[in-house]
PDB file of all heavy atoms in Angstrom:
ATOM      1  N   ASP A   1      76.455  86.273 111.847  1.00  0.00           N
ATOM      2  CA  ASP A   1      77.382  85.529 112.714  1.00  0.00           C
ATOM      3  C   ASP A   1      77.573  84.096 112.257  1.00  0.00           C
ATOM      4  O   ASP A   1      78.633  83.507 112.482  1.00  0.00           O
ATOM      5  CB  ASP A   1      76.860  85.544 114.147  1.00  0.00           C
ATOM      6  CG  ASP A   1      76.996  86.918 114.811  1.00  0.00           C
ATOM      7  OD1 ASP A   1      77.765  87.757 114.279  1.00  0.00           O
ATOM      8  OD2 ASP A   1      76.318  87.159 115.828  1.00  0.00           O
ATOM      9  N   SER A   2      76.556  83.524 111.623  1.00  0.00           N
ATOM     10  CA  SER A   2      76.630  82.108 111.222  1.00  0.00           C
ATOM     11  C   SER A   2      77.744  81.831 110.207  1.00  0.00           C
ATOM     12  O   SER A   2      78.201  80.679 110.125  1.00  0.00           O
ATOM     13  CB  SER A   2      75.288  81.673 110.647  1.00  0.00           C
ATOM     14  OG  SER A   2      74.931  82.475 109.545  1.00  0.00           O
ATOM     15  N   VAL A   3      78.172  82.818 109.458  1.00  0.00           N
ATOM     16  CA  VAL A   3      79.219  82.589 108.449  1.00  0.00           C
ATOM     17  C   VAL A   3      80.446  83.465 108.663  1.00  0.00           C
ATOM     18  O   VAL A   3      81.467  83.287 107.975  1.00  0.00           O
ATOM     19  CB  VAL A   3      78.689  82.827 107.017  1.00  0.00           C
ATOM     20  CG1 VAL A   3      77.437  81.994 106.767  1.00  0.00           C
ATOM     21  CG2 VAL A   3      78.425  84.284 106.735  1.00  0.00           C
ATOM     22  N   LYS A   4      80.400  84.375 109.599  1.00  0.00           N
ATOM     23  CA  LYS A   4      81.503  85.300 109.831  1.00  0.00           C
ATOM     24  C   LYS A   4      82.771  84.520 110.178  1.00  0.00           C
ATOM     25  O   LYS A   4      82.737  83.606 110.996  1.00  0.00           O
ATOM     26  CB  LYS A   4      81.144  86.271 110.957  1.00  0.00           C
ATOM     27  CG  LYS A   4      81.995  87.514 111.035  1.00  0.00           C
ATOM     28  CD  LYS A   4      81.455  88.472 112.075  1.00  0.00           C
ATOM     29  CE  LYS A   4      80.134  89.060 111.667  1.00  0.00           C
ATOM     30  NZ  LYS A   4      79.621  90.051 112.640  1.00  0.00           N
ATOM     31  N   GLY A   5      83.854  84.883 109.516  1.00  0.00           N
ATOM     32  CA  GLY A   5      85.124  84.199 109.736  1.00  0.00           C
ATOM     33  C   GLY A   5      85.332  82.996 108.851  1.00  0.00           C
ATOM     34  O   GLY A   5      86.458  82.460 108.764  1.00  0.00           O
ATOM     35  N   ARG A   6      84.278  82.526 108.208  1.00  0.00           N
ATOM     36  CA  ARG A   6      84.380  81.353 107.306  1.00  0.00           C
ATOM     37  C   ARG A   6      84.154  81.762 105.852  1.00  0.00           C
ATOM     38  O   ARG A   6      84.764  81.172 104.952  1.00  0.00           O
ATOM     39  CB  ARG A   6      83.378  80.285 107.695  1.00  0.00           C
ATOM     40  CG  ARG A   6      83.538  79.753 109.083  1.00  0.00           C
ATOM     41  CD  ARG A   6      82.630  78.550 109.341  1.00  0.00           C
ATOM     42  NE  ARG A   6      81.223  78.881 109.225  1.00  0.00           N
ATOM     43  CZ  ARG A   6      80.385  78.282 108.392  1.00  0.00           C
ATOM     44  NH1 ARG A   6      80.820  77.312 107.594  1.00  0.00           N
ATOM     45  NH2 ARG A   6      79.096  78.633 108.373  1.00  0.00           N
ATOM     46  N   PHE A   7      83.280  82.722 105.596  1.00  0.00           N
ATOM     47  CA  PHE A   7      82.920  83.138 104.233  1.00  0.00           C
ATOM     48  C   PHE A   7      83.512  84.507 103.964  1.00  0.00           C
ATOM     49  O   PHE A   7      83.564  85.359 104.859  1.00  0.00           O
ATOM     50  CB  PHE A   7      81.419  83.197 104.067  1.00  0.00           C
ATOM     51  CG  PHE A   7      80.686  81.878 104.074  1.00  0.00           C
ATOM     52  CD1 PHE A   7      81.330  80.709 104.414  1.00  0.00           C
ATOM     53  CD2 PHE A   7      79.347  81.815 103.716  1.00  0.00           C
ATOM     54  CE1 PHE A   7      80.662  79.494 104.437  1.00  0.00           C
ATOM     55  CE2 PHE A   7      78.664  80.608 103.720  1.00  0.00           C
ATOM     56  CZ  PHE A   7      79.323  79.445 104.078  1.00  0.00           C
ATOM     57  N   THR A   8      83.905  84.737 102.719  1.00  0.00           N
ATOM     58  CA  THR A   8      84.424  86.018 102.298  1.00  0.00           C
ATOM     59  C   THR A   8      83.787  86.401 100.986  1.00  0.00           C
ATOM     60  O   THR A   8      83.875  85.668 100.003  1.00  0.00           O
ATOM     61  CB  THR A   8      85.961  85.991 102.138  1.00  0.00           C
ATOM     62  OG1 THR A   8      86.545  85.598 103.374  1.00  0.00           O
ATOM     63  CG2 THR A   8      86.474  87.362 101.761  1.00  0.00           C
ATOM     64  N   ILE A   9      83.180  87.572 100.953  1.00  0.00           N
ATOM     65  CA  ILE A   9      82.603  88.089  99.715  1.00  0.00           C
ATOM     66  C   ILE A   9      83.571  89.082  99.078  1.00  0.00           C
ATOM     67  O   ILE A   9      84.262  89.830  99.797  1.00  0.00           O
ATOM     68  CB  ILE A   9      81.222  88.756  99.981  1.00  0.00           C
ATOM     69  CG1 ILE A   9      80.523  89.096  98.659  1.00  0.00           C
ATOM     70  CG2 ILE A   9      81.354  89.953 100.891  1.00  0.00           C
ATOM     71  CD1 ILE A   9      79.073  89.546  98.852  1.00  0.00           C
ATOM     72  N   SER A  10      83.650  89.073  97.767  1.00  0.00           N
ATOM     73  CA  SER A  10      84.473  90.018  97.055  1.00  0.00           C
ATOM     74  C   SER A  10      83.797  90.334  95.718  1.00  0.00           C
ATOM     75  O   SER A  10      82.874  89.625  95.312  1.00  0.00           O
ATOM     76  CB  SER A  10      85.878  89.477  96.828  1.00  0.00           C
ATOM     77  OG  SER A  10      85.848  88.278  96.068  1.00  0.00           O
ATOM     78  N   ARG A  11      84.258  91.386  95.076  1.00  0.00           N
ATOM     79  CA  ARG A  11      83.652  91.761  93.801  1.00  0.00           C
ATOM     80  C   ARG A  11      84.670  92.324  92.864  1.00  0.00           C
ATOM     81  O   ARG A  11      85.692  92.877  93.279  1.00  0.00           O
ATOM     82  CB  ARG A  11      82.514  92.776  94.033  1.00  0.00           C
ATOM     83  CG  ARG A  11      82.951  94.079  94.636  1.00  0.00           C
ATOM     84  CD  ARG A  11      81.751  94.958  95.037  1.00  0.00           C
ATOM     85  NE  ARG A  11      81.129  95.633  93.909  1.00  0.00           N
ATOM     86  CZ  ARG A  11      80.021  96.355  93.991  1.00  0.00           C
ATOM     87  NH1 ARG A  11      79.355  96.424  95.141  1.00  0.00           N
ATOM     88  NH2 ARG A  11      79.534  96.976  92.922  1.00  0.00           N
ATOM     89  N   ASP A  12      84.384  92.169  91.571  1.00  0.00           N
ATOM     90  CA  ASP A  12      85.182  92.751  90.519  1.00  0.00           C
ATOM     91  C   ASP A  12      84.273  93.764  89.812  1.00  0.00           C
ATOM     92  O   ASP A  12      83.392  93.365  89.051  1.00  0.00           O
ATOM     93  CB  ASP A  12      85.634  91.641  89.559  1.00  0.00           C
ATOM     94  CG  ASP A  12      86.517  92.174  88.439  1.00  0.00           C
ATOM     95  OD1 ASP A  12      86.393  93.364  88.077  1.00  0.00           O
ATOM     96  OD2 ASP A  12      87.332  91.390  87.914  1.00  0.00           O
ATOM     97  N   ASN A  13      84.480  95.002  90.096  1.00  0.00           N
ATOM     98  CA  ASN A  13      83.588  96.023  89.552  1.00  0.00           C
ATOM     99  C   ASN A  13      83.721  96.156  88.027  1.00  0.00           C
ATOM    100  O   ASN A  13      82.717  96.449  87.352  1.00  0.00           O
ATOM    101  CB  ASN A  13      83.856  97.384  90.220  1.00  0.00           C
ATOM    102  CG  ASN A  13      83.426  97.395  91.653  1.00  0.00           C
ATOM    103  OD1 ASN A  13      82.455  96.743  92.034  1.00  0.00           O
ATOM    104  ND2 ASN A  13      84.122  98.151  92.477  1.00  0.00           N
ATOM    105  N   ALA A  14      84.884  95.903  87.533  1.00  0.00           N
ATOM    106  CA  ALA A  14      85.085  96.003  86.072  1.00  0.00           C
ATOM    107  C   ALA A  14      84.288  94.935  85.332  1.00  0.00           C
ATOM    108  O   ALA A  14      83.811  95.172  84.217  1.00  0.00           O
ATOM    109  CB  ALA A  14      86.569  95.894  85.739  1.00  0.00           C
ATOM    110  N   GLU A  15      84.144  93.790  85.951  1.00  0.00           N
ATOM    111  CA  GLU A  15      83.433  92.667  85.345  1.00  0.00           C
ATOM    112  C   GLU A  15      82.012  92.480  85.895  1.00  0.00           C
ATOM    113  O   GLU A  15      81.304  91.589  85.453  1.00  0.00           O
ATOM    114  CB  GLU A  15      84.218  91.351  85.541  1.00  0.00           C
ATOM    115  CG  GLU A  15      85.582  91.358  84.896  1.00  0.00           C
ATOM    116  CD  GLU A  15      85.527  91.375  83.394  1.00  0.00           C
ATOM    117  OE1 GLU A  15      84.519  90.888  82.826  1.00  0.00           O
ATOM    118  OE2 GLU A  15      86.466  91.922  82.773  1.00  0.00           O
ATOM    119  N   ASN A  16      81.638  93.349  86.841  1.00  0.00           N
ATOM    120  CA  ASN A  16      80.319  93.232  87.485  1.00  0.00           C
ATOM    121  C   ASN A  16      80.070  91.819  88.004  1.00  0.00           C
ATOM    122  O   ASN A  16      78.968  91.247  87.810  1.00  0.00           O
ATOM    123  CB  ASN A  16      79.200  93.637  86.495  1.00  0.00           C
ATOM    124  CG  ASN A  16      79.189  95.128  86.253  1.00  0.00           C
ATOM    125  OD1 ASN A  16      79.369  95.914  87.178  1.00  0.00           O
ATOM    126  ND2 ASN A  16      78.989  95.522  85.019  1.00  0.00           N
ATOM    127  N   THR A  17      81.091  91.280  88.642  1.00  0.00           N
ATOM    128  CA  THR A  17      81.021  89.918  89.152  1.00  0.00           C
ATOM    129  C   THR A  17      81.228  89.942  90.668  1.00  0.00           C
ATOM    130  O   THR A  17      82.046  90.732  91.182  1.00  0.00           O
ATOM    131  CB  THR A  17      82.105  89.059  88.498  1.00  0.00           C
ATOM    132  OG1 THR A  17      81.866  89.029  87.084  1.00  0.00           O
ATOM    133  CG2 THR A  17      82.077  87.622  89.036  1.00  0.00           C
ATOM    134  N   VAL A  18      80.505  89.078  91.357  1.00  0.00           N
ATOM    135  CA  VAL A  18      80.665  88.957  92.797  1.00  0.00           C
ATOM    136  C   VAL A  18      81.022  87.504  93.096  1.00  0.00           C
ATOM    137  O   VAL A  18      80.578  86.587  92.400  1.00  0.00           O
ATOM    138  CB  VAL A  18      79.402  89.405  93.549  1.00  0.00           C
ATOM    139  CG1 VAL A  18      78.209  88.502  93.259  1.00  0.00           C
ATOM    140  CG2 VAL A  18      79.671  89.511  95.045  1.00  0.00           C
ATOM    141  N   TYR A  19      81.846  87.327  94.115  1.00  0.00           N
ATOM    142  CA  TYR A  19      82.333  86.013  94.498  1.00  0.00           C
ATOM    143  C   TYR A  19      81.999  85.752  95.956  1.00  0.00           C
ATOM    144  O   TYR A  19      81.865  86.684  96.767  1.00  0.00           O
ATOM    145  CB  TYR A  19      83.842  85.911  94.314  1.00  0.00           C
ATOM    146  CG  TYR A  19      84.325  86.225  92.937  1.00  0.00           C
ATOM    147  CD1 TYR A  19      84.775  87.515  92.604  1.00  0.00           C
ATOM    148  CD2 TYR A  19      84.335  85.264  91.932  1.00  0.00           C
ATOM    149  CE1 TYR A  19      85.193  87.820  91.328  1.00  0.00           C
ATOM    150  CE2 TYR A  19      84.751  85.569  90.657  1.00  0.00           C
ATOM    151  CZ  TYR A  19      85.196  86.855  90.349  1.00  0.00           C
ATOM    152  OH  TYR A  19      85.613  87.150  89.084  1.00  0.00           O
ATOM    153  N   LEU A  20      81.932  84.480  96.300  1.00  0.00           N
ATOM    154  CA  LEU A  20      81.770  84.075  97.701  1.00  0.00           C
ATOM    155  C   LEU A  20      82.710  82.914  97.952  1.00  0.00           C
ATOM    156  O   LEU A  20      82.492  81.803  97.432  1.00  0.00           O
ATOM    157  CB  LEU A  20      80.326  83.685  98.009  1.00  0.00           C
ATOM    158  CG  LEU A  20      80.061  83.372  99.477  1.00  0.00           C
ATOM    159  CD1 LEU A  20      80.173  84.637 100.333  1.00  0.00           C
ATOM    160  CD2 LEU A  20      78.682  82.729  99.652  1.00  0.00           C
ATOM    161  N   GLN A  21      83.759  83.168  98.706  1.00  0.00           N
ATOM    162  CA  GLN A  21      84.667  82.102  99.133  1.00  0.00           C
ATOM    163  C   GLN A  21      84.143  81.514 100.422  1.00  0.00           C
ATOM    164  O   GLN A  21      83.977  82.250 101.404  1.00  0.00           O
ATOM    165  CB  GLN A  21      86.085  82.652  99.321  1.00  0.00           C
ATOM    166  CG  GLN A  21      87.086  81.639  99.808  1.00  0.00           C
ATOM    167  CD  GLN A  21      87.381  80.555  98.766  1.00  0.00           C
ATOM    168  OE1 GLN A  21      87.521  80.865  97.582  1.00  0.00           O
ATOM    169  NE2 GLN A  21      87.427  79.316  99.209  1.00  0.00           N
ATOM    170  N   MET A  22      83.890  80.228 100.408  1.00  0.00           N
ATOM    171  CA  MET A  22      83.316  79.548 101.568  1.00  0.00           C
ATOM    172  C   MET A  22      84.313  78.506 102.053  1.00  0.00           C
ATOM    173  O   MET A  22      84.636  77.565 101.329  1.00  0.00           O
ATOM    174  CB  MET A  22      81.995  78.886 101.205  1.00  0.00           C
ATOM    175  CG  MET A  22      80.991  79.837 100.599  1.00  0.00           C
ATOM    176  SD  MET A  22      79.367  79.091 100.308  1.00  0.00           S
ATOM    177  CE  MET A  22      79.792  77.898  99.064  1.00  0.00           C
ATOM    178  N   ASN A  23      84.784  78.695 103.272  1.00  0.00           N
ATOM    179  CA  ASN A  23      85.736  77.769 103.891  1.00  0.00           C
ATOM    180  C   ASN A  23      85.107  77.127 105.111  1.00  0.00           C
ATOM    181  O   ASN A  23      84.096  77.589 105.649  1.00  0.00           O
ATOM    182  CB  ASN A  23      87.004  78.502 104.293  1.00  0.00           C
ATOM    183  CG  ASN A  23      87.723  79.126 103.129  1.00  0.00           C
ATOM    184  OD1 ASN A  23      87.715  78.609 102.006  1.00  0.00           O
ATOM    185  ND2 ASN A  23      88.368  80.265 103.343  1.00  0.00           N
ATOM    186  N   SER A  24      85.730  76.053 105.573  1.00  0.00           N
ATOM    187  CA  SER A  24      85.252  75.349 106.771  1.00  0.00           C
ATOM    188  C   SER A  24      83.756  75.086 106.678  1.00  0.00           C
ATOM    189  O   SER A  24      82.995  75.339 107.648  1.00  0.00           O
ATOM    190  CB  SER A  24      85.581  76.171 108.020  1.00  0.00           C
ATOM    191  OG  SER A  24      86.952  76.424 108.120  1.00  0.00           O
ATOM    192  N   LEU A  25      83.346  74.563 105.575  1.00  0.00           N
ATOM    193  CA  LEU A  25      81.902  74.352 105.355  1.00  0.00           C
ATOM    194  C   LEU A  25      81.341  73.304 106.311  1.00  0.00           C
ATOM    195  O   LEU A  25      82.025  72.341 106.681  1.00  0.00           O
ATOM    196  CB  LEU A  25      81.663  73.922 103.906  1.00  0.00           C
ATOM    197  CG  LEU A  25      81.722  75.112 102.905  1.00  0.00           C
ATOM    198  CD1 LEU A  25      81.918  74.595 101.502  1.00  0.00           C
ATOM    199  CD2 LEU A  25      80.439  75.934 103.015  1.00  0.00           C
ATOM    200  N   LYS A  26      80.097  73.537 106.681  1.00  0.00           N
ATOM    201  CA  LYS A  26      79.390  72.671 107.622  1.00  0.00           C
ATOM    202  C   LYS A  26      78.152  72.124 106.930  1.00  0.00           C
ATOM    203  O   LYS A  26      77.613  72.743 106.009  1.00  0.00           O
ATOM    204  CB  LYS A  26      78.966  73.455 108.859  1.00  0.00           C
ATOM    205  CG  LYS A  26      80.092  74.179 109.568  1.00  0.00           C
ATOM    206  CD  LYS A  26      79.545  75.038 110.699  1.00  0.00           C
ATOM    207  CE  LYS A  26      80.649  75.789 111.410  1.00  0.00           C
ATOM    208  NZ  LYS A  26      80.123  76.632 112.519  1.00  0.00           N
ATOM    209  N   PRO A  27      77.628  70.989 107.414  1.00  0.00           N
ATOM    210  CA  PRO A  27      76.395  70.454 106.793  1.00  0.00           C
ATOM    211  C   PRO A  27      75.253  71.463 106.824  1.00  0.00           C
ATOM    212  O   PRO A  27      74.442  71.496 105.886  1.00  0.00           O
ATOM    213  CB  PRO A  27      76.097  69.240 107.678  1.00  0.00           C
ATOM    214  CG  PRO A  27      77.432  68.763 108.124  1.00  0.00           C
ATOM    215  CD  PRO A  27      78.228  70.033 108.353  1.00  0.00           C
ATOM    216  N   GLU A  28      75.198  72.312 107.831  1.00  0.00           N
ATOM    217  CA  GLU A  28      74.116  73.303 107.893  1.00  0.00           C
ATOM    218  C   GLU A  28      74.276  74.429 106.871  1.00  0.00           C
ATOM    219  O   GLU A  28      73.385  75.267 106.726  1.00  0.00           O
ATOM    220  CB  GLU A  28      74.013  73.885 109.310  1.00  0.00           C
ATOM    221  CG  GLU A  28      75.304  74.407 109.884  1.00  0.00           C
ATOM    222  CD  GLU A  28      75.986  73.395 110.796  1.00  0.00           C
ATOM    223  OE1 GLU A  28      76.024  72.184 110.443  1.00  0.00           O
ATOM    224  OE2 GLU A  28      76.484  73.800 111.868  1.00  0.00           O
ATOM    225  N   ASP A  29      75.369  74.453 106.156  1.00  0.00           N
ATOM    226  CA  ASP A  29      75.532  75.403 105.067  1.00  0.00           C
ATOM    227  C   ASP A  29      74.857  74.903 103.782  1.00  0.00           C
ATOM    228  O   ASP A  29      74.810  75.644 102.788  1.00  0.00           O
ATOM    229  CB  ASP A  29      77.008  75.666 104.780  1.00  0.00           C
ATOM    230  CG  ASP A  29      77.736  76.360 105.909  1.00  0.00           C
ATOM    231  OD1 ASP A  29      77.145  77.277 106.498  1.00  0.00           O
ATOM    232  OD2 ASP A  29      78.874  75.964 106.207  1.00  0.00           O
ATOM    233  N   THR A  30      74.372  73.682 103.801  1.00  0.00           N
ATOM    234  CA  THR A  30      73.680  73.130 102.632  1.00  0.00           C
ATOM    235  C   THR A  30      72.491  73.983 102.297  1.00  0.00           C
ATOM    236  O   THR A  30      71.611  74.235 103.134  1.00  0.00           O
ATOM    237  CB  THR A  30      73.253  71.679 102.915  1.00  0.00           C
ATOM    238  OG1 THR A  30      74.434  70.861 103.054  1.00  0.00           O
ATOM    239  CG2 THR A  30      72.382  71.150 101.767  1.00  0.00           C
ATOM    240  N   ALA A  31      72.431  74.426 101.052  1.00  0.00           N
ATOM    241  CA  ALA A  31      71.368  75.337 100.619  1.00  0.00           C
ATOM    242  C   ALA A  31      71.519  75.642  99.128  1.00  0.00           C
ATOM    243  O   ALA A  31      72.564  75.317  98.534  1.00  0.00           O
ATOM    244  CB  ALA A  31      71.394  76.628 101.398  1.00  0.00           C
ATOM    245  N   VAL A  32      70.506  76.267  98.585  1.00  0.00           N
ATOM    246  CA  VAL A  32      70.650  76.902  97.285  1.00  0.00           C
ATOM    247  C   VAL A  32      71.120  78.332  97.543  1.00  0.00           C
ATOM    248  O   VAL A  32      70.507  79.053  98.332  1.00  0.00           O
ATOM    249  CB  VAL A  32      69.344  76.901  96.484  1.00  0.00           C
ATOM    250  CG1 VAL A  32      69.525  77.620  95.168  1.00  0.00           C
ATOM    251  CG2 VAL A  32      68.846  75.462  96.255  1.00  0.00           C
ATOM    252  N   TYR A  33      72.194  78.716  96.876  1.00  0.00           N
ATOM    253  CA  TYR A  33      72.791  80.050  97.064  1.00  0.00           C
ATOM    254  C   TYR A  33      72.424  80.926  95.886  1.00  0.00           C
ATOM    255  O   TYR A  33      72.588  80.541  94.720  1.00  0.00           O
ATOM    256  CB  TYR A  33      74.292  79.929  97.208  1.00  0.00           C
ATOM    257  CG  TYR A  33      74.713  79.419  98.570  1.00  0.00           C
ATOM    258  CD1 TYR A  33      74.479  78.087  98.944  1.00  0.00           C
ATOM    259  CD2 TYR A  33      75.303  80.270  99.503  1.00  0.00           C
ATOM    260  CE1 TYR A  33      74.839  77.637 100.201  1.00  0.00           C
ATOM    261  CE2 TYR A  33      75.678  79.820 100.763  1.00  0.00           C
ATOM    262  CZ  TYR A  33      75.419  78.493 101.102  1.00  0.00           C
ATOM    263  OH  TYR A  33      75.785  78.027 102.350  1.00  0.00           O
ATOM    264  N   TYR A  34      71.955  82.124  96.219  1.00  0.00           N
ATOM    265  CA  TYR A  34      71.499  83.091  95.209  1.00  0.00           C
ATOM    266  C   TYR A  34      72.343  84.368  95.323  1.00  0.00           C
ATOM    267  O   TYR A  34      72.581  84.868  96.438  1.00  0.00           O
ATOM    268  CB  TYR A  34      70.067  83.471  95.439  1.00  0.00           C
ATOM    269  CG  TYR A  34      69.075  82.336  95.383  1.00  0.00           C
ATOM    270  CD1 TYR A  34      68.769  81.600  96.519  1.00  0.00           C
ATOM    271  CD2 TYR A  34      68.425  81.996  94.182  1.00  0.00           C
ATOM    272  CE1 TYR A  34      67.872  80.561  96.491  1.00  0.00           C
ATOM    273  CE2 TYR A  34      67.515  80.958  94.141  1.00  0.00           C
ATOM    274  CZ  TYR A  34      67.243  80.240  95.305  1.00  0.00           C
ATOM    275  OH  TYR A  34      66.350  79.210  95.258  1.00  0.00           O
ATOM    276  N   CYS A  35      72.694  84.944  94.194  1.00  0.00           N
ATOM    277  CA  CYS A  35      73.292  86.255  94.219  1.00  0.00           C
ATOM    278  C   CYS A  35      72.202  87.291  93.991  1.00  0.00           C
ATOM    279  O   CYS A  35      71.157  87.001  93.384  1.00  0.00           O
ATOM    280  CB  CYS A  35      74.412  86.399  93.195  1.00  0.00           C
ATOM    281  SG  CYS A  35      73.933  86.180  91.476  1.00  0.00           S
ATOM    282  N   ARG A  36      72.480  88.479  94.461  1.00  0.00           N
ATOM    283  CA  ARG A  36      71.547  89.568  94.333  1.00  0.00           C
ATOM    284  C   ARG A  36      72.327  90.859  94.096  1.00  0.00           C
ATOM    285  O   ARG A  36      73.321  91.100  94.799  1.00  0.00           O
ATOM    286  CB  ARG A  36      70.700  89.721  95.604  1.00  0.00           C
ATOM    287  CG  ARG A  36      69.633  90.805  95.538  1.00  0.00           C
ATOM    288  CD  ARG A  36      68.874  90.867  96.857  1.00  0.00           C
ATOM    289  NE  ARG A  36      67.795  91.852  96.803  1.00  0.00           N
ATOM    290  CZ  ARG A  36      67.035  92.168  97.852  1.00  0.00           C
ATOM    291  NH1 ARG A  36      67.238  91.564  99.020  1.00  0.00           N
ATOM    292  NH2 ARG A  36      66.075  93.050  97.710  1.00  0.00           N
ATOM    293  N   TYR A  37      71.902  91.640  93.120  1.00  0.00           N
ATOM    294  CA  TYR A  37      72.505  92.931  92.842  1.00  0.00           C
ATOM    295  C   TYR A  37      71.473  94.009  93.121  1.00  0.00           C
ATOM    296  O   TYR A  37      70.338  93.911  92.673  1.00  0.00           O
ATOM    297  CB  TYR A  37      72.940  93.044  91.391  1.00  0.00           C
ATOM    298  CG  TYR A  37      74.153  92.254  90.970  1.00  0.00           C
ATOM    299  CD1 TYR A  37      74.671  91.232  91.773  1.00  0.00           C
ATOM    300  CD2 TYR A  37      74.817  92.533  89.795  1.00  0.00           C
ATOM    301  CE1 TYR A  37      75.799  90.507  91.384  1.00  0.00           C
ATOM    302  CE2 TYR A  37      75.936  91.813  89.382  1.00  0.00           C
ATOM    303  CZ  TYR A  37      76.405  90.810  90.194  1.00  0.00           C
ATOM    304  OH  TYR A  37      77.512  90.104  89.812  1.00  0.00           O
ATOM    305  N   TRP A  38      71.888  95.055  93.806  1.00  0.00           N
ATOM    306  CA  TRP A  38      71.053  96.226  94.009  1.00  0.00           C
ATOM    307  C   TRP A  38      71.541  97.337  93.073  1.00  0.00           C
ATOM    308  O   TRP A  38      72.734  97.560  92.910  1.00  0.00           O
ATOM    309  CB  TRP A  38      71.165  96.717  95.462  1.00  0.00           C
ATOM    310  CG  TRP A  38      70.513  95.875  96.480  1.00  0.00           C
ATOM    311  CD1 TRP A  38      69.259  96.020  96.974  1.00  0.00           C
ATOM    312  CD2 TRP A  38      71.100  94.762  97.167  1.00  0.00           C
ATOM    313  NE1 TRP A  38      69.013  95.047  97.928  1.00  0.00           N
ATOM    314  CE2 TRP A  38      70.124  94.266  98.059  1.00  0.00           C
ATOM    315  CE3 TRP A  38      72.359  94.139  97.115  1.00  0.00           C
ATOM    316  CZ2 TRP A  38      70.352  93.176  98.896  1.00  0.00           C
ATOM    317  CZ3 TRP A  38      72.581  93.033  97.934  1.00  0.00           C
ATOM    318  CH2 TRP A  38      71.598  92.578  98.813  1.00  0.00           C
ATOM    319  N   ALA A  39      70.594  98.004  92.469  1.00  0.00           N
ATOM    320  CA  ALA A  39      70.936  99.073  91.550  1.00  0.00           C
ATOM    321  C   ALA A  39      69.973 100.235  91.751  1.00  0.00           C
ATOM    322  O   ALA A  39      69.001 100.136  92.485  1.00  0.00           O
ATOM    323  CB  ALA A  39      70.869  98.572  90.106  1.00  0.00           C
ATOM    324  N   ARG A  40      70.274 101.334  91.076  1.00  0.00           N
ATOM    325  CA  ARG A  40      69.486 102.538  91.259  1.00  0.00           C
ATOM    326  C   ARG A  40      68.013 102.325  90.881  1.00  0.00           C
ATOM    327  O   ARG A  40      67.122 102.888  91.518  1.00  0.00           O
ATOM    328  CB  ARG A  40      70.064 103.664  90.422  1.00  0.00           C
ATOM    329  CG  ARG A  40      69.392 105.004  90.673  1.00  0.00           C
ATOM    330  CD  ARG A  40      70.251 106.125  90.167  1.00  0.00           C
ATOM    331  NE  ARG A  40      71.530 106.194  90.870  1.00  0.00           N
ATOM    332  CZ  ARG A  40      72.465 107.117  90.594  1.00  0.00           C
ATOM    333  NH1 ARG A  40      72.266 107.986  89.662  1.00  0.00           N
ATOM    334  NH2 ARG A  40      73.584 107.106  91.260  1.00  0.00           N
ATOM    335  N   LEU A  41      67.746 101.463  89.919  1.00  0.00           N
ATOM    336  CA  LEU A  41      66.373 101.279  89.429  1.00  0.00           C
ATOM    337  C   LEU A  41      65.745  99.982  89.886  1.00  0.00           C
ATOM    338  O   LEU A  41      64.659  99.627  89.421  1.00  0.00           O
ATOM    339  CB  LEU A  41      66.365 101.364  87.900  1.00  0.00           C
ATOM    340  CG  LEU A  41      66.836 102.691  87.315  1.00  0.00           C
ATOM    341  CD1 LEU A  41      66.778 102.673  85.786  1.00  0.00           C
ATOM    342  CD2 LEU A  41      65.999 103.857  87.854  1.00  0.00           C
TER     343      LEU A  41
END
């Protein structure tokens, strides 16, 4: 709920890339942001 409506995640499967569009940013969004991929192994 803290980011719903402000952040949008998307991915490009051909490039194995994930994006995070962050709008209406707030000071409490300050952080180190990490991506994570889940795979079969």
